[in-house]
Amino acid sequence: MWKIYKWDGRYIQGEFISKHSSEDAAIKKASQSINFTFVEKQKQGKETRVWLDDENHTPVGIIIKKSR
């Protein structure tokens, strides 16, 4: 499950937006609800993170998938 979070002014995982079964659907929903310019994918252990950055490369949201 891909979960989308939006920065709430204090935490990057502050506001939960939605969850999706595919990465493409998650990015499409994130582009509708979060104003971002750059996307950076990172895999660490069993967790995949997709960082959503604005034009100054400041994180404004994140998409997370935890695999088993």
C-alpha atoms as a PDB file:
ATOM      1  CA  MET A   1       0.000   0.000   0.000  1.00  0.00           C
ATOM      2  CA  TRP A   2       1.341   3.401  -1.010  1.00  0.00           C
ATOM      3  CA  LYS A   3       0.465   6.109   1.552  1.00  0.00           C
ATOM      4  CA  ILE A   4       0.602   9.838   0.762  1.00  0.00           C
ATOM      5  CA  TYR A   5       1.457  12.385   3.447  1.00  0.00           C
ATOM      6  CA  LYS A   6       1.602  16.184   3.211  1.00  0.00           C
ATOM      7  CA  TRP A   7       3.801  18.555   5.218  1.00  0.00           C
ATOM      8  CA  ASP A   8       1.675  20.317   7.849  1.00  0.00           C
ATOM      9  CA  GLY A   9       4.152  23.032   8.851  1.00  0.00           C
ATOM     10  CA  ARG A  10       5.833  20.942  11.513  1.00  0.00           C
ATOM     11  CA  TYR A  11       6.138  17.313  10.334  1.00  0.00           C
ATOM     12  CA  ILE A  12       6.716  15.883   6.854  1.00  0.00           C
ATOM     13  CA  GLN A  13       4.265  13.067   7.688  1.00  0.00           C
ATOM     14  CA  GLY A  14       1.840  15.490   9.257  1.00  0.00           C
ATOM     15  CA  GLU A  15      -1.358  15.215   7.204  1.00  0.00           C
ATOM     16  CA  PHE A  16      -2.451  11.862   5.749  1.00  0.00           C
ATOM     17  CA  ILE A  17      -3.927  12.346   2.265  1.00  0.00           C
ATOM     18  CA  SER A  18      -4.798   8.867   0.941  1.00  0.00           C
ATOM     19  CA  LYS A  19      -3.561   5.337   0.233  1.00  0.00           C
ATOM     20  CA  HIS A  20      -3.308   3.529  -3.110  1.00  0.00           C
ATOM     21  CA  SER A  21      -2.366   0.103  -4.416  1.00  0.00           C
ATOM     22  CA  SER A  22      -0.053   1.379  -7.199  1.00  0.00           C
ATOM     23  CA  GLU A  23       2.730   3.943  -7.294  1.00  0.00           C
ATOM     24  CA  ASP A  24       1.320   5.636 -10.410  1.00  0.00           C
ATOM     25  CA  ALA A  25      -2.061   6.207  -8.754  1.00  0.00           C
ATOM     26  CA  ALA A  26      -0.350   7.608  -5.651  1.00  0.00           C
ATOM     27  CA  ILE A  27       1.740  10.074  -7.670  1.00  0.00           C
ATOM     28  CA  LYS A  28      -1.323  11.148  -9.662  1.00  0.00           C
ATOM     29  CA  LYS A  29      -3.310  11.848  -6.465  1.00  0.00           C
ATOM     30  CA  ALA A  30      -0.319  13.641  -4.906  1.00  0.00           C
ATOM     31  CA  SER A  31      -0.005  15.933  -7.928  1.00  0.00           C
ATOM     32  CA  GLN A  32      -3.649  16.945  -7.464  1.00  0.00           C
ATOM     33  CA  SER A  33      -3.380  17.684  -3.729  1.00  0.00           C
ATOM     34  CA  ILE A  34       0.279  18.767  -3.245  1.00  0.00           C
ATOM     35  CA  ASN A  35       2.101  21.434  -5.257  1.00  0.00           C
ATOM     36  CA  PHE A  36       5.484  19.791  -5.966  1.00  0.00           C
ATOM     37  CA  THR A  37       8.093  20.099  -8.727  1.00  0.00           C
ATOM     38  CA  PHE A  38      10.674  17.346  -8.116  1.00  0.00           C
ATOM     39  CA  VAL A  39      10.324  13.640  -7.266  1.00  0.00           C
ATOM     40  CA  GLU A  40      13.116  11.589  -5.673  1.00  0.00           C
ATOM     41  CA  LYS A  41      12.740   7.855  -5.030  1.00  0.00           C
ATOM     42  CA  GLN A  42      14.694   6.228  -2.194  1.00  0.00           C
ATOM     43  CA  LYS A  43      14.719   2.627  -0.966  1.00  0.00           C
ATOM     44  CA  GLN A  44      15.970   1.789   2.503  1.00  0.00           C
ATOM     45  CA  GLY A  45      15.532  -1.705   3.894  1.00  0.00           C
ATOM     46  CA  LYS A  46      11.929  -2.811   3.465  1.00  0.00           C
ATOM     47  CA  GLU A  47      10.630   0.722   2.981  1.00  0.00           C
ATOM     48  CA  THR A  48      10.367   2.697  -0.273  1.00  0.00           C
ATOM     49  CA  ARG A  49      10.041   6.481  -0.022  1.00  0.00           C
ATOM     50  CA  VAL A  50       9.152   8.940  -2.764  1.00  0.00           C
ATOM     51  CA  TRP A  51      10.054  12.475  -1.684  1.00  0.00           C
ATOM     52  CA  LEU A  52       8.002  15.305  -3.178  1.00  0.00           C
ATOM     53  CA  ASP A  53       9.958  18.590  -3.305  1.00  0.00           C
ATOM     54  CA  ASP A  54       9.063  22.137  -4.349  1.00  0.00           C
ATOM     55  CA  GLU A  55      11.126  24.318  -6.703  1.00  0.00           C
ATOM     56  CA  ASN A  56      13.669  25.051  -3.912  1.00  0.00           C
ATOM     57  CA  HIS A  57      14.115  21.296  -3.261  1.00  0.00           C
ATOM     58  CA  THR A  58      12.342  21.648   0.086  1.00  0.00           C
ATOM     59  CA  PRO A  59      10.272  18.558   0.978  1.00  0.00           C
ATOM     60  CA  VAL A  60       6.515  19.253   0.878  1.00  0.00           C
ATOM     61  CA  GLY A  61       5.254  15.670   0.928  1.00  0.00           C
ATOM     62  CA  ILE A  62       6.187  12.002   0.950  1.00  0.00           C
ATOM     63  CA  ILE A  63       4.790   8.751  -0.422  1.00  0.00           C
ATOM     64  CA  ILE A  64       5.704   5.650   1.594  1.00  0.00           C
ATOM     65  CA  LYS A  65       5.397   1.930   0.907  1.00  0.00           C
ATOM     66  CA  LYS A  66       6.370  -0.621   3.535  1.00  0.00           C
ATOM     67  CA  SER A  67       6.937  -4.066   2.067  1.00  0.00           C
ATOM     68  CA  ARG A  68       6.861  -7.285   4.020  1.00  0.00           C
END
